[in-house]
Amino acid sequence: MAENKDSDVLGIIAAALAGAVIGAAIAVLLTPKTGEEVRRELKESLGELTTKLKEVGSTLKEKVEEVVEKVKKEKEEAEGEPSPEDAMG
């Protein structure tokens, strides 16, 4: 159940970041500025987005690794337990 909440939170974060980038791009493009200023601001926004996406990706990787380890552990524990047929004799 916790994995679902984590993935929901990461999805919300990713959607918020995407929305922020889209909003910033629209604002930059619709603001009356010189081409040089627009390019500079877009480059800065792209840099910020790249940094944030790396952070989200790192967090997602950690969560996936945790889930994989948990599944491996549960599988090992299940393999160590006798099957229902073995338990009945």
N, C-alpha and C. Protein backbone atom coordinates (compact mmCIF):
# COMPACT_ATOMS: atom_id res chain seq x y z
N MET A 1 0.83 -1.19 0.00
CA MET A 1 0.00 0.00 0.00
C MET A 1 0.87 1.26 0.00
N ALA A 2 2.01 1.20 0.70
CA ALA A 2 2.88 2.37 0.77
C ALA A 2 3.48 2.70 -0.59
N GLU A 3 3.75 1.65 -1.40
CA GLU A 3 4.32 1.90 -2.72
C GLU A 3 3.37 2.72 -3.58
N ASN A 4 2.07 2.46 -3.47
CA ASN A 4 1.09 3.21 -4.25
C ASN A 4 1.10 4.68 -3.86
N LYS A 5 1.20 4.95 -2.57
CA LYS A 5 1.22 6.33 -2.10
C LYS A 5 2.48 7.04 -2.59
N ASP A 6 3.63 6.32 -2.56
CA ASP A 6 4.87 6.91 -3.03
C ASP A 6 4.79 7.23 -4.51
N SER A 7 4.26 6.31 -5.30
CA SER A 7 4.17 6.56 -6.74
C SER A 7 3.17 7.67 -7.02
N ASP A 8 2.11 7.76 -6.23
CA ASP A 8 1.15 8.85 -6.40
C ASP A 8 1.82 10.20 -6.11
N VAL A 9 2.62 10.25 -5.05
CA VAL A 9 3.31 11.49 -4.68
C VAL A 9 4.29 11.88 -5.78
N LEU A 10 5.06 10.90 -6.29
CA LEU A 10 6.01 11.20 -7.35
C LEU A 10 5.29 11.66 -8.61
N GLY A 11 4.15 11.08 -8.90
CA GLY A 11 3.37 11.50 -10.06
C GLY A 11 2.88 12.93 -9.92
N ILE A 12 2.45 13.27 -8.72
CA ILE A 12 1.99 14.64 -8.46
C ILE A 12 3.15 15.61 -8.60
N ILE A 13 4.32 15.23 -8.07
CA ILE A 13 5.50 16.10 -8.17
C ILE A 13 5.88 16.30 -9.63
N ALA A 14 5.89 15.22 -10.39
CA ALA A 14 6.25 15.32 -11.80
C ALA A 14 5.26 16.20 -12.56
N ALA A 15 3.98 16.04 -12.27
CA ALA A 15 2.96 16.85 -12.93
C ALA A 15 3.11 18.33 -12.55
N ALA A 16 3.41 18.58 -11.29
CA ALA A 16 3.60 19.96 -10.85
C ALA A 16 4.81 20.59 -11.54
N LEU A 17 5.89 19.83 -11.64
CA LEU A 17 7.08 20.34 -12.32
C LEU A 17 6.79 20.63 -13.79
N ALA A 18 6.10 19.71 -14.43
CA ALA A 18 5.76 19.91 -15.84
C ALA A 18 4.88 21.14 -16.01
N GLY A 19 3.91 21.30 -15.13
CA GLY A 19 3.04 22.47 -15.19
C GLY A 19 3.81 23.77 -14.97
N ALA A 20 4.75 23.74 -14.04
CA ALA A 20 5.55 24.93 -13.76
C ALA A 20 6.40 25.30 -14.98
N VAL A 21 6.98 24.30 -15.60
CA VAL A 21 7.82 24.56 -16.78
C VAL A 21 6.97 25.10 -17.93
N ILE A 22 5.84 24.49 -18.16
CA ILE A 22 4.96 24.95 -19.24
C ILE A 22 4.50 26.38 -18.96
N GLY A 23 4.11 26.65 -17.73
CA GLY A 23 3.68 28.00 -17.37
C GLY A 23 4.79 29.02 -17.53
N ALA A 24 6.00 28.64 -17.11
CA ALA A 24 7.14 29.56 -17.25
C ALA A 24 7.45 29.81 -18.71
N ALA A 25 7.40 28.75 -19.52
CA ALA A 25 7.68 28.92 -20.96
C ALA A 25 6.65 29.83 -21.61
N ILE A 26 5.40 29.66 -21.28
CA ILE A 26 4.35 30.51 -21.85
C ILE A 26 4.55 31.96 -21.41
N ALA A 27 4.85 32.15 -20.13
CA ALA A 27 5.07 33.50 -19.62
C ALA A 27 6.24 34.17 -20.32
N VAL A 28 7.32 33.42 -20.50
CA VAL A 28 8.50 33.98 -21.16
C VAL A 28 8.20 34.34 -22.61
N LEU A 29 7.49 33.45 -23.28
CA LEU A 29 7.21 33.68 -24.70
C LEU A 29 6.22 34.82 -24.93
N LEU A 30 5.32 35.04 -23.98
CA LEU A 30 4.31 36.09 -24.16
C LEU A 30 4.72 37.44 -23.60
N THR A 31 5.82 37.50 -22.88
CA THR A 31 6.30 38.75 -22.31
C THR A 31 7.10 39.50 -23.37
N PRO A 32 6.83 40.78 -23.51
CA PRO A 32 7.57 41.54 -24.54
C PRO A 32 9.02 41.78 -24.11
N LYS A 33 9.90 40.93 -24.61
CA LYS A 33 11.33 41.05 -24.31
C LYS A 33 12.10 40.83 -25.60
N THR A 34 13.38 41.15 -25.53
CA THR A 34 14.21 40.92 -26.70
C THR A 34 14.45 39.42 -26.86
N GLY A 35 14.84 39.03 -28.05
CA GLY A 35 15.11 37.61 -28.31
C GLY A 35 16.21 37.08 -27.41
N GLU A 36 17.22 37.90 -27.14
CA GLU A 36 18.32 37.48 -26.28
C GLU A 36 17.82 37.21 -24.86
N GLU A 37 16.97 38.08 -24.34
CA GLU A 37 16.43 37.89 -22.99
C GLU A 37 15.58 36.62 -22.91
N VAL A 38 14.77 36.40 -23.94
CA VAL A 38 13.91 35.22 -23.96
C VAL A 38 14.77 33.96 -23.99
N ARG A 39 15.80 33.95 -24.83
CA ARG A 39 16.67 32.78 -24.91
C ARG A 39 17.38 32.52 -23.58
N ARG A 40 17.83 33.58 -22.93
CA ARG A 40 18.52 33.45 -21.65
C ARG A 40 17.57 32.86 -20.59
N GLU A 41 16.37 33.39 -20.54
CA GLU A 41 15.40 32.90 -19.55
C GLU A 41 14.98 31.47 -19.84
N LEU A 42 14.82 31.12 -21.11
CA LEU A 42 14.48 29.73 -21.44
C LEU A 42 15.62 28.79 -21.05
N LYS A 43 16.85 29.23 -21.28
CA LYS A 43 18.01 28.42 -20.91
C LYS A 43 18.04 28.22 -19.39
N GLU A 44 17.78 29.27 -18.63
CA GLU A 44 17.76 29.16 -17.17
C GLU A 44 16.65 28.22 -16.71
N SER A 45 15.48 28.36 -17.31
CA SER A 45 14.35 27.50 -16.95
C SER A 45 14.66 26.04 -17.27
N LEU A 46 15.29 25.80 -18.39
CA LEU A 46 15.66 24.44 -18.77
C LEU A 46 16.66 23.87 -17.78
N GLY A 47 17.61 24.68 -17.36
CA GLY A 47 18.58 24.23 -16.35
C GLY A 47 17.91 23.85 -15.04
N GLU A 48 16.96 24.67 -14.60
CA GLU A 48 16.24 24.40 -13.37
C GLU A 48 15.41 23.11 -13.51
N LEU A 49 14.76 22.97 -14.65
CA LEU A 49 13.96 21.77 -14.89
C LEU A 49 14.84 20.52 -14.88
N THR A 50 16.00 20.61 -15.53
CA THR A 50 16.91 19.47 -15.56
C THR A 50 17.31 19.06 -14.15
N THR A 51 17.63 20.03 -13.33
CA THR A 51 18.03 19.75 -11.95
C THR A 51 16.88 19.09 -11.18
N LYS A 52 15.68 19.62 -11.31
CA LYS A 52 14.53 19.07 -10.60
C LYS A 52 14.19 17.67 -11.09
N LEU A 53 14.29 17.45 -12.41
CA LEU A 53 13.99 16.12 -12.94
C LEU A 53 15.02 15.10 -12.47
N LYS A 54 16.28 15.51 -12.34
CA LYS A 54 17.30 14.61 -11.81
C LYS A 54 16.98 14.23 -10.37
N GLU A 55 16.52 15.20 -9.59
CA GLU A 55 16.16 14.94 -8.20
C GLU A 55 14.99 13.96 -8.12
N VAL A 56 13.96 14.19 -8.94
CA VAL A 56 12.80 13.30 -8.95
C VAL A 56 13.21 11.91 -9.43
N GLY A 57 14.06 11.86 -10.46
CA GLY A 57 14.53 10.59 -10.97
C GLY A 57 15.31 9.82 -9.92
N SER A 58 16.13 10.52 -9.16
CA SER A 58 16.91 9.89 -8.10
C SER A 58 15.99 9.33 -7.02
N THR A 59 14.99 10.11 -6.64
CA THR A 59 14.03 9.65 -5.64
C THR A 59 13.26 8.45 -6.15
N LEU A 60 12.84 8.50 -7.40
CA LEU A 60 12.11 7.38 -7.99
C LEU A 60 12.98 6.13 -8.03
N LYS A 61 14.24 6.29 -8.39
CA LYS A 61 15.16 5.15 -8.43
C LYS A 61 15.28 4.52 -7.05
N GLU A 62 15.41 5.35 -6.02
CA GLU A 62 15.51 4.83 -4.65
C GLU A 62 14.25 4.05 -4.28
N LYS A 63 13.09 4.58 -4.62
CA LYS A 63 11.84 3.91 -4.29
C LYS A 63 11.72 2.58 -5.02
N VAL A 64 12.11 2.55 -6.29
CA VAL A 64 12.05 1.31 -7.06
C VAL A 64 12.99 0.28 -6.45
N GLU A 65 14.19 0.71 -6.08
CA GLU A 65 15.15 -0.21 -5.46
C GLU A 65 14.60 -0.78 -4.15
N GLU A 66 13.93 0.07 -3.36
CA GLU A 66 13.33 -0.39 -2.11
C GLU A 66 12.26 -1.45 -2.38
N VAL A 67 11.42 -1.20 -3.37
CA VAL A 67 10.35 -2.15 -3.71
C VAL A 67 10.95 -3.46 -4.20
N VAL A 68 11.99 -3.39 -5.04
CA VAL A 68 12.63 -4.60 -5.55
C VAL A 68 13.21 -5.42 -4.40
N GLU A 69 13.89 -4.75 -3.48
CA GLU A 69 14.46 -5.47 -2.33
C GLU A 69 13.37 -6.10 -1.47
N LYS A 70 12.28 -5.39 -1.29
CA LYS A 70 11.18 -5.92 -0.49
C LYS A 70 10.59 -7.16 -1.16
N VAL A 71 10.41 -7.10 -2.46
CA VAL A 71 9.84 -8.24 -3.20
C VAL A 71 10.80 -9.42 -3.13
N LYS A 72 12.10 -9.17 -3.29
CA LYS A 72 13.09 -10.25 -3.19
C LYS A 72 13.04 -10.90 -1.82
N LYS A 73 12.96 -10.08 -0.79
CA LYS A 73 12.92 -10.60 0.58
C LYS A 73 11.67 -11.44 0.80
N GLU A 74 10.52 -10.94 0.33
CA GLU A 74 9.28 -11.68 0.48
C GLU A 74 9.33 -13.00 -0.29
N LYS A 75 9.94 -12.98 -1.46
CA LYS A 75 10.07 -14.19 -2.27
C LYS A 75 10.95 -15.21 -1.55
N GLU A 76 12.08 -14.74 -1.01
CA GLU A 76 12.97 -15.64 -0.28
C GLU A 76 12.27 -16.24 0.93
N GLU A 77 11.52 -15.43 1.64
CA GLU A 77 10.79 -15.92 2.81
C GLU A 77 9.74 -16.94 2.39
N ALA A 78 9.06 -16.68 1.29
CA ALA A 78 8.02 -17.60 0.81
C ALA A 78 8.64 -18.91 0.35
N GLU A 79 9.82 -18.86 -0.26
CA GLU A 79 10.47 -20.08 -0.71
C GLU A 79 10.95 -20.92 0.46
N GLY A 80 11.26 -20.28 1.57
CA GLY A 80 11.72 -20.99 2.76
C GLY A 80 10.60 -21.66 3.52
N GLU A 81 9.37 -21.23 3.31
CA GLU A 81 8.22 -21.80 4.01
C GLU A 81 7.77 -23.06 3.27
N PRO A 82 7.30 -24.03 4.02
CA PRO A 82 6.79 -25.24 3.35
C PRO A 82 5.49 -24.92 2.61
N SER A 83 5.30 -25.59 1.50
CA SER A 83 4.06 -25.40 0.76
C SER A 83 2.91 -26.01 1.55
N PRO A 84 1.67 -25.64 1.28
CA PRO A 84 0.54 -26.21 2.01
C PRO A 84 0.50 -27.73 1.91
N GLU A 85 0.92 -28.27 0.77
CA GLU A 85 0.93 -29.73 0.59
C GLU A 85 1.96 -30.38 1.50
N ASP A 86 3.16 -29.76 1.61
CA ASP A 86 4.21 -30.30 2.45
C ASP A 86 3.81 -30.22 3.92
N ALA A 87 3.14 -29.18 4.31
CA ALA A 87 2.75 -29.01 5.70
C ALA A 87 1.73 -30.05 6.13
N MET A 88 0.91 -30.54 5.18
CA MET A 88 -0.13 -31.51 5.52
C MET A 88 0.44 -32.94 5.53
N GLY A 89 1.63 -33.13 5.02
CA GLY A 89 2.25 -34.45 5.11
C GLY A 89 2.14 -35.20 3.89
